[in-house]
Amino acid sequence: AESVEEILDAIHELDGIRHKFAYQTDGAVVKVNSFAQRERLGFTAKSPRWAIAYKYEAERVETRLNDIVIQVGRTGILTPVAVLEPVLVSGSTVGRATLHNEDEIKRKDIRIGDTVVIEKAGEVIPAVVEVVKSKRPRSAKPFDFSEHIHGKCPVCGGPIRRDPQFVAWRCENLQCPAQTTRRVEFFAARSALDIESVGGIVADKLIERGLVREPLDLFELKTEQLAKLNLGTDEAPRMFGEKNATKAIHAIERARTLPLSRWLFALAIPDVGKTTAKQLTRFHDTIDEVANSQLLRDVLHYREKREQKSRDGGTKEIADRLIHAGFAKRSKSKAEKERAIVTEVGPVVAKSVLDFFGSTAGKKILLRLRQLGIKPKSENLSAKKAAELPLAGKTFVLTGTLPSLTREEATEKIEALGGRVTGSVSGKTDYVIAGAEPGSKLEKAKELGVRILDEAAFRKLL
């Protein structure tokens, strides 16, 4: 396509034929048709900047809402779920749909017994769009969230509370079996510690049988215990089995040696996703270093002093300390001048991490890890501290083909010395490493006055 009109024509044409495909689709992806321009645009942490998804309007269907049940998540958040008269939507039968929270139920005036319109958001997640009020039965009453569950957690019977700052109700019992199950599932997920076979019904039964009360209990399980785990009922038993148990124990043992970033993510620290976890492990070698991080404290102190417009000289001292450690750099952006420095992670993340490990639960996790002999190490920090690494705080961009190094090898060498590699050139870039056929990144570097190195100069820098 060579114009917006042609792109839209192609999107509409695809919409007309996609239902004939042997697989389900929910949209079309529009990509820049130039490798040079793609290279210049680069990537964010999650997706390319040179592609965008167009989502088709979801199919909508009417059905009856028979009940509302409340589910408990790993952080204790109570989520209302609609129990529906089963109906076919976008190729599959739907019997449940999320209602998100109490405010959403009130806003849409959703009541048990209503006829509702549902769709699959992104043609994946079923959701209630609206109520057909002309079909509402006279007996339908406004839904009262707290009254519906008798003012207590529907799973453990513990106290519930709604924080005025948030829309969700929360179970306050940290030992709630539902919370524990979800935490164990998250902890063992492929993106976290990748502990095979520990999820779903297995996690439910481990907690129900009292074998696991918190995620770290997995590391004390024995093959014999898992093999005899009954996934069925007393009347109709179904054992996990020795083969599955052996695989699970091997996965648990393998998790002991996974890098620190995977562990930080698996612990479900608020505001710490996979990318942030890796950023933290560039400057901290062990979990104890993260828990007691002076760098994170400095980020908070710097923000506090900036907000107070402190004139005692402390702001500059903290900024210099963070820059020397490679954890911050002077802002080159006009929009960021008031911030003076840009830190690797912001004050929200810094506070979340310090609060987590400073809490009773966080201290218990650190103690338990020591007792279990689990000592996760950073995968992207050498034996030296980040501040001592020669490329600490430096940002690199690679373009073109280097004579004797692949991009992966060059990236590893940079990260091993404390540097960071990004996908696009900006005012924050310190070096561009240019090989043969470098593309548009080289021109961008010249425009911005970024220092350009060939492989020989790069090796000398290393």
Protein backbone atom coordinates (compact mmCIF):
# COMPACT_ATOMS: atom_id res chain seq x y z
CA ALA A 1 0.00 0.00 0.00
CA GLU A 2 1.21 3.50 -0.81
CA SER A 3 -1.43 5.60 0.97
CA VAL A 4 -3.72 5.56 4.00
CA GLU A 5 -6.66 4.91 1.68
CA GLU A 6 -4.97 1.79 0.24
CA ILE A 7 -4.14 0.55 3.73
CA LEU A 8 -7.79 0.90 4.80
CA ASP A 9 -8.98 -0.82 1.63
CA ALA A 10 -6.69 -3.79 2.38
CA ILE A 11 -7.89 -3.92 5.99
CA HIS A 12 -11.55 -3.96 4.91
CA GLU A 13 -10.85 -6.58 2.24
CA LEU A 14 -9.22 -8.83 4.85
CA ASP A 15 -12.19 -8.34 7.17
CA GLY A 16 -14.47 -9.71 4.45
CA ILE A 17 -12.55 -12.96 4.01
CA ARG A 18 -10.98 -13.65 7.41
CA HIS A 19 -13.94 -15.69 8.71
CA LYS A 20 -13.19 -18.28 6.00
CA PHE A 21 -9.70 -18.93 7.40
CA ALA A 22 -8.91 -22.15 9.26
CA TYR A 23 -7.86 -20.05 12.25
CA GLN A 24 -9.34 -17.09 14.14
CA THR A 25 -8.10 -13.54 13.59
CA ASP A 26 -8.98 -10.32 15.39
CA GLY A 27 -7.24 -7.69 13.28
CA ALA A 28 -4.58 -6.72 10.77
CA VAL A 29 -1.00 -5.55 11.29
CA VAL A 30 0.26 -2.58 9.27
CA LYS A 31 4.05 -2.56 8.83
CA VAL A 32 6.54 -0.09 7.37
CA ASN A 33 7.72 -1.64 4.10
CA SER A 34 11.37 -0.54 4.38
CA PHE A 35 14.07 -2.31 6.35
CA ALA A 36 16.11 0.90 6.57
CA GLN A 37 13.17 2.81 8.04
CA ARG A 38 12.38 -0.07 10.39
CA GLU A 39 15.95 0.04 11.66
CA ARG A 40 15.69 3.78 12.25
CA LEU A 41 12.36 3.48 14.09
CA GLY A 42 13.62 0.64 16.30
CA PHE A 43 11.74 -1.07 19.13
CA THR A 44 10.17 -0.33 22.47
CA ALA A 45 10.66 -2.86 25.29
CA LYS A 46 7.59 -4.77 24.07
CA SER A 47 7.04 -4.14 20.37
CA PRO A 48 8.44 -2.60 17.17
CA ARG A 49 7.73 1.06 16.46
CA TRP A 50 7.40 0.24 12.75
CA ALA A 51 4.22 -1.83 13.11
CA ILE A 52 0.74 -1.15 14.45
CA ALA A 53 -2.27 -3.42 14.93
CA TYR A 54 -5.74 -2.57 13.61
CA LYS A 55 -8.44 -4.40 15.58
CA TYR A 56 -11.74 -5.33 13.94
CA GLU A 57 -15.02 -4.60 15.64
CA ALA A 58 -15.87 -7.58 17.83
CA GLU A 59 -18.97 -9.73 17.27
CA ARG A 60 -21.72 -8.91 19.79
CA VAL A 61 -24.30 -11.39 21.08
CA GLU A 62 -27.20 -11.22 23.56
CA THR A 63 -27.56 -13.72 26.40
CA ARG A 64 -28.91 -13.95 29.97
CA LEU A 65 -26.83 -13.16 33.04
CA ASN A 66 -27.70 -15.93 35.52
CA ASP A 67 -25.43 -15.00 38.41
CA ILE A 68 -22.41 -12.98 39.52
CA VAL A 69 -19.55 -14.78 41.28
CA ILE A 70 -16.53 -13.15 42.91
CA GLN A 71 -13.01 -14.43 42.17
CA VAL A 72 -9.96 -13.75 44.33
CA GLY A 73 -6.64 -12.84 42.66
CA ARG A 74 -3.04 -13.31 43.87
CA THR A 75 -2.94 -9.84 45.46
CA GLY A 76 -6.35 -10.31 47.10
CA ILE A 77 -8.30 -8.23 44.59
CA LEU A 78 -11.92 -9.38 44.28
CA THR A 79 -13.10 -9.51 40.68
CA PRO A 80 -16.79 -9.95 39.77
CA VAL A 81 -17.49 -12.44 36.98
CA ALA A 82 -20.78 -12.85 35.11
CA VAL A 83 -22.16 -16.39 34.88
CA LEU A 84 -23.97 -16.45 31.53
CA GLU A 85 -26.38 -18.63 29.64
CA PRO A 86 -23.81 -20.30 27.31
CA VAL A 87 -23.73 -18.68 23.87
CA LEU A 88 -21.54 -18.91 20.74
CA VAL A 89 -19.33 -15.82 20.27
CA SER A 90 -16.54 -15.48 17.67
CA GLY A 91 -16.25 -19.20 17.16
CA SER A 92 -16.39 -20.49 20.75
CA THR A 93 -18.96 -21.02 23.50
CA VAL A 94 -18.88 -18.41 26.26
CA GLY A 95 -20.33 -19.07 29.71
CA ARG A 96 -18.51 -16.43 31.75
CA ALA A 97 -17.40 -12.84 31.26
CA THR A 98 -15.46 -10.37 33.38
CA LEU A 99 -17.32 -7.47 34.99
CA HIS A 100 -14.05 -5.80 36.09
CA ASN A 101 -15.12 -4.14 39.37
CA GLU A 102 -17.98 -2.73 41.44
CA ASP A 103 -17.85 0.70 39.78
CA GLU A 104 -18.19 -0.86 36.32
CA ILE A 105 -21.25 -2.84 37.46
CA LYS A 106 -22.86 0.34 38.83
CA ARG A 107 -21.97 2.39 35.76
CA LYS A 108 -23.65 -0.13 33.44
CA ASP A 109 -26.38 -0.94 36.02
CA ILE A 110 -25.82 -4.69 35.61
CA ARG A 111 -28.22 -6.91 37.55
CA ILE A 112 -28.65 -10.66 37.98
CA GLY A 113 -31.37 -11.84 35.57
CA ASP A 114 -30.61 -9.15 32.97
CA THR A 115 -30.27 -9.79 29.25
CA VAL A 116 -26.81 -8.50 28.36
CA VAL A 117 -24.75 -7.89 25.23
CA ILE A 118 -21.36 -9.57 25.30
CA GLU A 119 -18.30 -9.49 23.07
CA LYS A 120 -14.78 -10.84 23.15
CA ALA A 121 -12.40 -7.94 23.75
CA GLY A 122 -9.79 -8.40 21.04
CA GLU A 123 -11.88 -11.47 20.22
CA VAL A 124 -10.19 -13.20 23.15
CA ILE A 125 -11.56 -12.08 26.54
CA PRO A 126 -15.37 -12.16 26.99
CA ALA A 127 -16.82 -8.96 28.46
CA VAL A 128 -20.29 -7.53 29.12
CA VAL A 129 -20.75 -4.45 26.93
CA GLU A 130 -24.22 -3.29 27.96
CA VAL A 131 -27.59 -4.27 29.40
CA VAL A 132 -30.73 -4.64 27.28
CA LYS A 133 -32.92 -2.80 29.78
CA SER A 134 -36.09 -3.33 27.74
CA LYS A 135 -35.79 -7.04 28.59
CA ARG A 136 -35.05 -6.58 32.31
CA PRO A 137 -37.27 -8.70 34.63
CA ARG A 138 -39.22 -6.78 37.28
CA SER A 139 -37.59 -8.82 40.05
CA ALA A 140 -34.04 -7.71 39.13
CA LYS A 141 -32.43 -5.72 41.96
CA PRO A 142 -29.42 -3.36 41.89
CA PHE A 143 -26.26 -5.33 42.63
CA ASP A 144 -24.63 -4.66 46.01
CA PHE A 145 -21.06 -6.01 45.93
CA SER A 146 -20.44 -6.27 49.69
CA GLU A 147 -23.91 -7.58 50.48
CA HIS A 148 -23.61 -10.23 47.74
CA ILE A 149 -20.66 -11.84 49.55
CA HIS A 150 -21.96 -11.05 53.06
CA GLY A 151 -19.15 -8.57 53.71
CA LYS A 152 -16.38 -11.19 53.70
CA CYS A 153 -14.04 -13.01 51.32
CA PRO A 154 -16.02 -15.64 49.38
CA VAL A 155 -13.12 -18.12 49.67
CA CYS A 156 -11.60 -17.80 53.14
CA GLY A 157 -14.30 -15.79 54.93
CA GLY A 158 -11.71 -13.20 55.93
CA PRO A 159 -12.25 -9.43 56.13
CA ILE A 160 -12.53 -7.38 52.94
CA ARG A 161 -11.81 -3.70 52.40
CA ARG A 162 -12.13 -1.16 49.63
CA ASP A 163 -9.31 1.38 49.52
CA PRO A 164 -10.83 4.81 48.76
CA GLN A 165 -8.03 5.46 46.23
CA PHE A 166 -8.84 2.35 44.17
CA VAL A 167 -11.90 0.81 42.53
CA ALA A 168 -11.34 -2.76 43.74
CA TRP A 169 -12.33 -4.59 46.90
CA ARG A 170 -9.55 -6.68 48.45
CA CYS A 171 -9.35 -9.69 50.78
CA GLU A 172 -7.04 -8.70 53.65
CA ASN A 173 -6.14 -12.26 54.67
CA LEU A 174 -2.68 -12.93 53.19
CA GLN A 175 -3.16 -16.64 53.98
CA CYS A 176 -6.31 -16.84 51.84
CA PRO A 177 -6.09 -20.12 49.85
CA ALA A 178 -7.24 -18.43 46.63
CA GLN A 179 -4.50 -15.79 46.88
CA THR A 180 -1.90 -18.45 47.63
CA THR A 181 -2.99 -20.53 44.63
CA ARG A 182 -2.74 -17.58 42.25
CA ARG A 183 0.66 -16.58 43.70
CA VAL A 184 1.97 -20.12 43.25
CA GLU A 185 0.73 -20.18 39.65
CA PHE A 186 2.38 -16.82 38.90
CA PHE A 187 5.60 -17.90 40.63
CA ALA A 188 5.75 -21.11 38.57
CA ALA A 189 4.67 -19.59 35.24
CA ARG A 190 6.86 -19.95 32.17
CA SER A 191 7.71 -16.23 32.19
CA ALA A 192 8.74 -16.45 35.86
CA LEU A 193 10.51 -19.58 37.21
CA ASP A 194 9.12 -21.95 34.57
CA ILE A 195 8.25 -24.77 36.97
CA GLU A 196 6.55 -27.29 34.72
CA SER A 197 3.24 -28.90 35.74
CA VAL A 198 2.67 -26.69 38.81
CA GLY A 199 -0.44 -24.70 37.97
CA GLY A 200 -4.20 -25.00 37.64
CA ILE A 201 -5.62 -28.00 39.47
CA VAL A 202 -2.15 -29.02 40.72
CA ALA A 203 -1.67 -25.69 42.52
CA ASP A 204 -5.22 -25.90 43.90
CA LYS A 205 -4.64 -29.37 45.31
CA LEU A 206 -1.18 -28.59 46.73
CA ILE A 207 -2.74 -25.82 48.80
CA GLU A 208 -5.91 -27.74 49.60
CA ARG A 209 -3.88 -30.72 50.91
CA GLY A 210 -1.67 -28.43 53.00
CA LEU A 211 1.55 -29.27 51.13
CA VAL A 212 2.10 -25.65 50.06
CA ARG A 213 1.19 -22.50 51.98
CA GLU A 214 3.38 -20.07 50.03
CA PRO A 215 5.35 -20.29 46.76
CA LEU A 216 8.72 -21.05 48.38
CA ASP A 217 7.22 -24.21 49.93
CA LEU A 218 7.58 -25.76 46.47
CA PHE A 219 11.31 -26.15 47.17
CA GLU A 220 10.64 -28.49 50.08
CA LEU A 221 8.39 -30.88 48.16
CA LYS A 222 9.54 -34.48 47.66
CA THR A 223 8.91 -36.66 44.62
CA GLU A 224 6.93 -39.14 46.74
CA GLN A 225 4.61 -36.39 48.02
CA LEU A 226 3.88 -35.11 44.53
CA ALA A 227 3.41 -38.58 43.07
CA LYS A 228 0.69 -39.32 45.65
CA LEU A 229 -1.06 -35.96 45.20
CA ASN A 230 -4.74 -36.68 44.53
CA LEU A 231 -6.02 -34.39 41.78
CA GLY A 232 -9.47 -35.94 42.00
CA THR A 233 -11.75 -36.58 44.97
CA ASP A 234 -11.70 -39.15 47.74
CA GLU A 235 -14.49 -41.01 45.91
CA ALA A 236 -12.79 -40.78 42.49
CA PRO A 237 -9.03 -40.42 43.10
CA ARG A 238 -6.63 -39.37 40.32
CA MET A 239 -2.98 -39.34 41.31
CA PHE A 240 -0.37 -36.93 39.91
CA GLY A 241 1.92 -39.91 39.32
CA GLU A 242 5.64 -40.56 39.65
CA LYS A 243 6.53 -39.53 36.08
CA ASN A 244 4.87 -36.11 36.41
CA ALA A 245 6.27 -35.70 39.92
CA THR A 246 9.83 -36.38 38.74
CA LYS A 247 9.49 -33.79 35.95
CA ALA A 248 8.11 -31.21 38.38
CA ILE A 249 10.88 -31.77 40.95
CA HIS A 250 13.53 -31.42 38.23
CA ALA A 251 11.94 -28.11 37.17
CA ILE A 252 11.86 -26.93 40.80
CA GLU A 253 15.56 -27.74 41.24
CA ARG A 254 16.41 -26.00 37.96
CA ALA A 255 14.60 -22.88 39.20
CA ARG A 256 17.13 -22.58 42.04
CA THR A 257 19.79 -21.54 39.53
CA LEU A 258 17.72 -19.16 37.39
CA PRO A 259 19.02 -15.58 37.16
CA LEU A 260 18.05 -12.86 39.60
CA SER A 261 15.78 -11.01 37.15
CA ARG A 262 13.52 -14.06 36.83
CA TRP A 263 13.28 -14.28 40.63
CA LEU A 264 12.46 -10.60 41.05
CA PHE A 265 9.65 -10.99 38.51
CA ALA A 266 8.39 -14.25 40.06
CA LEU A 267 8.04 -12.64 43.50
CA ALA A 268 5.33 -10.38 42.02
CA ILE A 269 6.77 -7.16 43.42
CA PRO A 270 4.34 -4.34 42.53
CA ASP A 271 5.46 -2.29 39.49
CA VAL A 272 8.30 -4.72 38.67
CA GLY A 273 7.80 -6.39 35.30
CA LYS A 274 10.35 -8.39 33.31
CA THR A 275 12.05 -5.34 31.78
CA THR A 276 12.31 -3.49 35.10
CA ALA A 277 13.67 -6.62 36.79
CA LYS A 278 16.48 -6.76 34.23
CA GLN A 279 17.24 -3.08 34.75
CA LEU A 280 17.57 -3.67 38.49
CA THR A 281 19.91 -6.62 38.02
CA ARG A 282 22.29 -4.53 35.92
CA PHE A 283 23.19 -2.70 39.15
CA HIS A 284 22.57 -5.32 41.84
CA ASP A 285 24.22 -8.73 41.92
CA THR A 286 22.08 -10.45 44.58
CA ILE A 287 18.58 -10.22 45.96
CA ASP A 288 19.94 -8.82 49.25
CA GLU A 289 21.61 -6.00 47.31
CA VAL A 290 18.24 -5.15 45.73
CA ALA A 291 16.46 -5.30 49.09
CA ASN A 292 18.98 -2.93 50.70
CA SER A 293 19.72 -0.80 47.64
CA GLN A 294 21.25 2.59 48.36
CA LEU A 295 20.68 3.44 44.69
CA LEU A 296 16.91 3.05 45.09
CA ARG A 297 16.97 5.07 48.30
CA ASP A 298 18.89 7.78 46.48
CA VAL A 299 16.22 7.86 43.75
CA LEU A 300 13.57 8.51 46.41
CA HIS A 301 15.68 11.08 48.27
CA TYR A 302 16.44 12.88 45.02
CA ARG A 303 12.74 13.17 44.18
CA GLU A 304 11.88 14.35 47.70
CA LYS A 305 14.51 17.08 47.60
CA ARG A 306 13.46 18.17 44.10
CA GLU A 307 9.84 18.43 45.26
CA GLN A 308 10.91 20.42 48.31
CA LYS A 309 13.18 22.54 46.08
CA SER A 310 15.92 21.92 48.59
CA ARG A 311 18.74 24.44 48.64
CA ASP A 312 21.02 22.59 51.03
CA GLY A 313 23.13 21.15 48.22
CA GLY A 314 21.84 17.65 48.85
CA THR A 315 20.17 17.35 45.46
CA LYS A 316 23.40 17.80 43.51
CA GLU A 317 25.24 15.40 45.80
CA ILE A 318 22.64 12.68 45.27
CA ALA A 319 22.51 13.30 41.52
CA ASP A 320 26.30 13.07 41.25
CA ARG A 321 26.28 9.84 43.24
CA LEU A 322 23.65 8.26 40.97
CA ILE A 323 25.46 9.40 37.82
CA HIS A 324 28.79 8.07 39.13
CA ALA A 325 27.10 4.71 39.78
CA GLY A 326 25.81 4.65 36.21
CA PHE A 327 22.24 4.60 37.54
CA ALA A 328 21.40 8.03 36.09
CA LYS A 329 22.52 10.46 33.43
CA ARG A 330 22.06 14.14 32.78
CA SER A 331 18.90 14.77 30.81
CA LYS A 332 19.46 15.90 27.22
CA SER A 333 15.78 16.34 26.48
CA LYS A 334 14.30 19.83 26.62
CA ALA A 335 11.11 18.35 28.03
CA GLU A 336 13.07 16.79 30.90
CA LYS A 337 15.29 19.70 31.89
CA GLU A 338 13.40 20.24 35.12
CA ARG A 339 14.26 16.71 36.18
CA ALA A 340 18.00 17.40 35.81
CA ILE A 341 18.78 13.67 35.72
CA VAL A 342 17.09 10.60 34.28
CA THR A 343 17.37 7.48 36.46
CA GLU A 344 17.32 3.83 35.37
CA VAL A 345 14.09 3.29 37.31
CA GLY A 346 11.78 5.96 38.67
CA PRO A 347 10.63 6.71 42.22
CA VAL A 348 7.45 4.61 41.90
CA VAL A 349 9.46 1.44 41.21
CA ALA A 350 12.09 2.37 43.82
CA LYS A 351 9.42 2.78 46.52
CA SER A 352 7.62 -0.44 45.53
CA VAL A 353 10.82 -2.50 45.75
CA LEU A 354 11.98 -1.02 49.06
CA ASP A 355 8.49 -1.29 50.59
CA PHE A 356 8.18 -4.91 49.45
CA PHE A 357 11.45 -6.09 50.99
CA GLY A 358 10.97 -3.86 54.03
CA SER A 359 7.62 -5.46 54.85
CA THR A 360 7.20 -8.41 57.20
CA ALA A 361 6.36 -10.66 54.23
CA GLY A 362 9.40 -9.43 52.27
CA LYS A 363 11.77 -10.03 55.18
CA LYS A 364 10.33 -13.51 55.57
CA ILE A 365 11.02 -14.24 51.88
CA LEU A 366 14.67 -13.16 52.23
CA LEU A 367 15.11 -15.33 55.34
CA ARG A 368 13.45 -18.31 53.67
CA LEU A 369 15.67 -18.02 50.59
CA ARG A 370 18.74 -18.12 52.84
CA GLN A 371 17.37 -21.15 54.70
CA LEU A 372 16.73 -22.94 51.39
CA GLY A 373 20.21 -22.10 50.13
CA ILE A 374 18.81 -20.23 47.12
CA LYS A 375 21.12 -17.40 46.03
CA PRO A 376 20.01 -16.02 42.65
CA LYS A 377 22.68 -13.95 40.91
CA SER A 378 22.45 -11.25 38.28
CA GLU A 379 22.89 -12.50 34.73
CA ASN A 380 23.86 -9.10 33.35
CA LEU A 381 26.30 -7.79 35.96
CA SER A 382 29.94 -8.88 36.20
CA ALA A 383 31.67 -9.58 39.50
CA LYS A 384 32.41 -5.85 39.74
CA LYS A 385 29.87 -3.37 41.00
CA ALA A 386 28.08 -1.42 38.28
CA ALA A 387 29.74 1.82 39.32
CA GLU A 388 33.16 0.27 38.72
CA LEU A 389 32.35 -1.04 35.26
CA PRO A 390 33.95 0.97 32.44
CA LEU A 391 30.75 1.37 30.39
CA ALA A 392 28.39 2.00 33.32
CA GLY A 393 25.61 4.38 32.32
CA LYS A 394 26.58 4.41 28.63
CA THR A 395 23.97 3.74 25.93
CA PHE A 396 24.93 2.09 22.64
CA VAL A 397 23.18 1.52 19.31
CA LEU A 398 24.40 -1.08 16.79
CA THR A 399 23.94 -0.64 13.05
CA GLY A 400 25.26 -2.49 10.02
CA THR A 401 27.36 -5.68 9.99
CA LEU A 402 30.55 -5.83 12.05
CA PRO A 403 33.52 -7.73 10.50
CA SER A 404 34.04 -10.27 13.28
CA LEU A 405 31.19 -9.86 15.77
CA THR A 406 27.50 -10.69 15.57
CA ARG A 407 25.06 -8.22 17.12
CA GLU A 408 24.42 -10.68 19.94
CA GLU A 409 28.15 -10.96 20.70
CA ALA A 410 28.62 -7.18 20.61
CA THR A 411 25.60 -6.70 22.88
CA GLU A 412 26.92 -9.24 25.39
CA LYS A 413 30.30 -7.49 25.51
CA ILE A 414 28.67 -4.10 26.11
CA GLU A 415 26.31 -5.37 28.81
CA ALA A 416 29.11 -7.30 30.54
CA LEU A 417 30.92 -3.98 31.04
CA GLY A 418 27.85 -2.18 32.36
CA GLY A 419 26.60 -0.58 29.13
CA ARG A 420 23.15 -0.81 27.60
CA VAL A 421 22.09 -1.46 24.00
CA THR A 422 18.93 0.14 22.57
CA GLY A 423 17.22 -0.14 19.21
CA SER A 424 17.11 3.50 18.13
CA VAL A 425 19.32 6.60 18.15
CA SER A 426 18.31 9.57 20.31
CA GLY A 427 19.86 12.43 22.21
CA LYS A 428 20.46 9.99 25.07
CA THR A 429 22.68 7.71 22.93
CA ASP A 430 26.39 7.83 23.82
CA TYR A 431 27.86 5.68 21.02
CA VAL A 432 26.75 4.24 17.68
CA ILE A 433 28.77 1.19 16.58
CA ALA A 434 28.67 1.15 12.78
CA GLY A 435 29.58 -1.77 10.55
CA ALA A 436 29.11 -2.40 6.83
CA GLU A 437 25.85 -1.10 5.26
CA PRO A 438 24.86 0.80 8.40
CA GLY A 439 21.48 2.18 7.34
CA SER A 440 19.67 5.28 8.60
CA LYS A 441 20.86 5.03 12.21
CA LEU A 442 24.27 6.30 11.12
CA GLU A 443 22.73 9.41 9.54
CA LYS A 444 20.65 10.02 12.65
CA ALA A 445 23.79 9.76 14.81
CA LYS A 446 25.55 12.34 12.62
CA GLU A 447 22.57 14.70 12.88
CA LEU A 448 22.58 14.48 16.68
CA GLY A 449 26.35 14.60 17.07
CA VAL A 450 26.53 11.15 18.64
CA ARG A 451 30.01 9.60 18.69
CA ILE A 452 30.41 6.92 15.97
CA LEU A 453 32.80 3.96 16.31
CA ASP A 454 33.87 1.25 13.87
CA GLU A 455 34.70 -2.22 15.19
CA ALA A 456 38.38 -1.40 15.76
CA ALA A 457 37.52 1.67 17.86
CA PHE A 458 34.81 -0.34 19.63
CA ARG A 459 37.29 -3.06 20.61
CA LYS A 460 39.70 -0.41 21.84
CA LEU A 461 36.91 1.06 23.98
CA LEU A 462 36.26 -2.39 25.44
